[in-house]
Amino acid sequence: MPTLVVNGQSTSVPPQATVAQLVEQLGHTGKRIAVERNGEIVPKSLHGSTVLTEGDRLEIVVAVGGG
């Protein structure tokens, strides 16, 4: 299983996992999020086709609404 660093924490994912699958694994499905992979933003339209690899560094930011 590939090991990634997500928001500073080591995380394992199944082989050939995509950004979308990681988002689901972390419980962020349906939330407004921004994903950065190895210093580059991953557009939401590419979450399902962007395959994660060993050593990737991701930052996932969840938008919080309020007034």
Foldseek 3Di string as FASTA:
>chain_A
DAWEQEQNRIDDDPAQDFQVNVCVVVPNPPFDKWKDKPRHTDDPVCRRPHTDHHYIYMYMDTDDDDD
